[in-house]
Amino acid sequence: MYQDVRISEIQIVPVKPNDGLIGFASFVLDQKYYVGSVAIYTRLDGSGYRLVYPAKKVGEKNINVFYPITPVAGRIIEEEVSRKVNEIIYGTKSEAI
C-alpha cells in the first residue's frame, strides 16, 4: 500500500546554512497534493538530511500543518528529497546519503 507513495516535481531552494538548515523543499505527492515549505536540515551525525514539516503557532501551541502519518511514507519522502539535494550539491544522482 505505502510503496505506492509517489513524489514528483521536487524543488529545492538552498539557503545560507544556519544551525543545520540548508534549504526548503517542495514537491507533488501522489500527483494530487502540493507540499511546500518543508525545511531541510543536516543530521547531527552527518548521515544525511532530516525534514521538518511546517507548523503554525497559535497562542503558545504549535499546530502541525501537515506531515507524513506513517514512518514508511516519511522515509520515502526523505529519501527522494535527499536524492534531489545530493544532485544539486554534489552533481550526482546517487542514492541518498
Protein backbone atom coordinates (compact mmCIF):
# COMPACT_ATOMS: atom_id res chain seq x y z
CA MET A 1 0.00 0.00 0.00
CA TYR A 2 2.64 2.57 1.05
CA GLN A 3 5.02 1.55 -1.72
CA ASP A 4 2.65 3.47 -3.99
CA VAL A 5 3.71 6.81 -2.48
CA ARG A 6 4.84 8.91 -5.45
CA ILE A 7 6.93 12.04 -5.09
CA SER A 8 7.45 14.22 -8.16
CA GLU A 9 8.37 17.75 -9.17
CA ILE A 10 10.80 18.12 -6.27
CA GLN A 11 12.19 21.63 -5.98
CA ILE A 12 14.92 22.67 -3.57
CA VAL A 13 15.60 26.26 -2.53
CA PRO A 14 19.01 26.41 -0.85
CA VAL A 15 19.60 28.94 1.92
CA LYS A 16 22.73 30.11 3.67
CA PRO A 17 23.37 27.32 6.21
CA ASN A 18 22.16 28.26 9.69
CA ASP A 19 22.10 25.83 12.64
CA GLY A 20 21.86 22.89 10.23
CA LEU A 21 19.16 24.40 8.00
CA ILE A 22 20.33 24.16 4.39
CA GLY A 23 17.17 24.81 2.39
CA PHE A 24 13.49 24.26 1.76
CA ALA A 25 11.77 21.64 -0.35
CA SER A 26 8.50 21.49 -2.22
CA PHE A 27 7.09 18.54 -4.13
CA VAL A 28 3.95 16.96 -5.51
CA LEU A 29 2.64 13.97 -3.57
CA ASP A 30 0.80 11.23 -5.46
CA GLN A 31 0.02 13.65 -8.29
CA LYS A 32 -2.69 15.10 -6.03
CA TYR A 33 -1.15 17.38 -3.41
CA TYR A 34 1.39 20.19 -3.50
CA VAL A 35 3.56 20.12 -0.38
CA GLY A 36 5.72 23.17 0.31
CA SER A 37 7.86 24.89 2.94
CA VAL A 38 9.46 21.68 4.16
CA ALA A 39 12.73 22.61 5.91
CA ILE A 40 15.82 20.54 5.13
CA TYR A 41 18.37 20.11 7.93
CA THR A 42 21.62 18.20 8.02
CA ARG A 43 21.59 15.36 10.55
CA LEU A 44 23.75 15.94 13.62
CA ASP A 45 25.69 12.73 12.96
CA GLY A 46 26.35 13.76 9.34
CA SER A 47 24.44 10.78 7.93
CA GLY A 48 22.23 12.80 5.60
CA TYR A 49 19.24 15.06 5.96
CA ARG A 50 16.11 15.32 8.04
CA LEU A 51 12.91 17.08 7.08
CA VAL A 52 10.88 19.38 9.29
CA TYR A 53 7.30 19.97 8.19
CA PRO A 54 5.55 23.33 8.64
CA ALA A 55 3.70 24.19 11.82
CA LYS A 56 1.56 27.18 12.70
CA LYS A 57 1.90 28.86 16.07
CA VAL A 58 -1.47 29.51 17.70
CA GLY A 59 -1.03 31.18 21.05
CA GLU A 60 1.60 29.10 22.82
CA LYS A 61 0.92 25.92 20.80
CA ASN A 62 2.48 24.74 17.55
CA ILE A 63 -0.06 23.03 15.33
CA ASN A 64 1.26 20.82 12.56
CA VAL A 65 0.05 21.92 9.14
CA PHE A 66 0.84 18.57 7.51
CA TYR A 67 3.25 15.68 8.00
CA PRO A 68 3.58 12.01 6.97
CA ILE A 69 1.42 9.78 9.14
CA THR A 70 3.40 6.58 8.65
CA PRO A 71 7.15 6.03 9.04
CA VAL A 72 7.25 4.37 5.62
CA ALA A 73 5.75 7.40 3.85
CA GLY A 74 8.08 9.72 5.76
CA ARG A 75 11.10 7.63 4.80
CA ILE A 76 10.13 7.59 1.11
CA ILE A 77 9.73 11.38 1.08
CA GLU A 78 13.01 11.87 2.96
CA GLU A 79 14.89 9.58 0.53
CA GLU A 80 13.54 11.32 -2.57
CA VAL A 81 14.23 14.81 -1.23
CA SER A 82 17.73 13.70 -0.13
CA ARG A 83 18.46 12.41 -3.63
CA LYS A 84 17.49 15.76 -5.10
CA VAL A 85 19.60 17.67 -2.55
CA ASN A 86 22.60 15.46 -3.33
CA GLU A 87 22.05 16.02 -7.05
CA ILE A 88 22.15 19.78 -6.51
CA ILE A 89 25.03 19.87 -4.03
CA TYR A 90 27.25 17.11 -5.40
CA GLY A 91 26.06 16.94 -9.01
CA THR A 92 25.17 13.28 -8.63
CA LYS A 93 22.01 11.23 -8.90
CA SER A 94 23.31 8.60 -6.47
CA GLU A 95 21.43 7.04 -3.59
CA ALA A 96 20.53 9.24 -0.63
CA ILE A 97 23.40 9.74 1.80
